[in-house]
Amino acid sequence: MPVILSDEELQAFHLTESEARLALALRLFQDDRVTVARGAKIAGMKYLDFQSELAKRQIPLHYDMEMLENDLKYAGYTLK
């Protein structure tokens, strides 16, 4: 189900579409609801670019083995 914000809503918040996507992805990551890989996809960014945004904003990585496995699976790799 897509989330749709009108141009007027984005203007009211002084956001571009890409800024809104990034803000959503960052909040979901901070709330431990998505992995770095999923956050990057939501934000429409490359993995390392999203990780750089997290570092720039001093948002710590909360990473466990399950999240690593999910990220690797998402990227097309498997642990042997």
Protein backbone atom coordinates (compact mmCIF):
# COMPACT_ATOMS: atom_id res chain seq x y z
CA MET A 1 0.00 0.00 0.00
CA PRO A 2 1.63 3.22 -1.10
CA VAL A 3 1.83 6.24 1.14
CA ILE A 4 0.91 9.34 -0.78
CA LEU A 5 1.67 12.87 0.31
CA SER A 6 0.45 15.70 -1.85
CA ASP A 7 2.79 18.41 -3.09
CA GLU A 8 0.97 20.80 -0.74
CA GLU A 9 1.70 18.56 2.26
CA LEU A 10 5.36 18.26 1.32
CA GLN A 11 5.56 22.05 0.89
CA ALA A 12 3.90 22.58 4.27
CA PHE A 13 6.63 20.48 5.89
CA HIS A 14 9.35 22.10 3.73
CA LEU A 15 10.36 18.68 2.39
CA THR A 16 11.15 17.24 -0.98
CA GLU A 17 9.96 13.73 -1.78
CA SER A 18 13.46 12.34 -1.26
CA GLU A 19 13.78 14.14 2.10
CA ALA A 20 10.44 12.67 3.22
CA ARG A 21 11.53 9.17 2.18
CA LEU A 22 14.81 9.59 4.05
CA ALA A 23 13.06 10.92 7.16
CA LEU A 24 10.72 7.93 7.19
CA ALA A 25 13.58 5.47 6.69
CA LEU A 26 15.66 7.07 9.46
CA ARG A 27 12.75 7.00 11.92
CA LEU A 28 11.94 3.37 11.13
CA PHE A 29 15.59 2.46 11.62
CA GLN A 30 15.80 4.36 14.90
CA ASP A 31 12.69 2.55 16.10
CA ASP A 32 14.37 -0.78 15.26
CA ARG A 33 11.69 -1.59 12.68
CA VAL A 34 13.94 -1.91 9.62
CA THR A 35 17.50 -2.95 8.84
CA VAL A 36 20.07 -0.75 7.16
CA ALA A 37 19.34 -2.46 3.83
CA ARG A 38 15.59 -1.98 4.10
CA GLY A 39 16.05 1.62 5.28
CA ALA A 40 18.25 2.30 2.27
CA LYS A 41 15.60 0.89 -0.04
CA ILE A 42 12.85 3.01 1.55
CA ALA A 43 15.06 6.09 1.26
CA GLY A 44 15.91 5.26 -2.35
CA MET A 45 19.61 5.24 -1.51
CA LYS A 46 22.55 2.91 -1.83
CA TYR A 47 23.33 0.90 1.31
CA LEU A 48 26.57 2.76 2.10
CA ASP A 49 24.97 6.16 1.46
CA PHE A 50 22.20 5.37 3.95
CA GLN A 51 24.77 4.12 6.43
CA SER A 52 26.65 7.41 5.97
CA GLU A 53 23.44 9.34 6.71
CA LEU A 54 23.04 7.36 9.93
CA ALA A 55 26.60 8.20 10.94
CA LYS A 56 26.21 11.87 9.98
CA ARG A 57 23.15 12.10 12.23
CA GLN A 58 24.87 10.09 14.98
CA ILE A 59 22.24 7.33 14.83
CA PRO A 60 23.91 4.20 16.19
CA LEU A 61 23.75 0.91 14.34
CA HIS A 62 21.81 -1.64 16.37
CA TYR A 63 22.85 -4.75 14.62
CA ASP A 64 22.51 -8.37 15.63
CA MET A 65 23.10 -11.65 13.84
CA GLU A 66 19.50 -11.88 12.61
CA MET A 67 19.75 -8.42 11.05
CA LEU A 68 23.03 -9.36 9.37
CA GLU A 69 21.46 -12.51 7.95
CA ASN A 70 18.46 -10.50 6.69
CA ASP A 71 20.70 -7.91 5.06
CA LEU A 72 22.82 -10.59 3.42
CA LYS A 73 19.71 -12.42 2.22
CA TYR A 74 18.30 -9.16 0.88
CA ALA A 75 21.59 -8.55 -0.94
CA GLY A 76 21.51 -12.06 -2.41
CA TYR A 77 24.09 -13.73 -0.14
CA THR A 78 23.74 -16.59 2.33
CA LEU A 79 25.83 -17.58 5.33
CA LYS A 80 27.26 -21.07 5.07
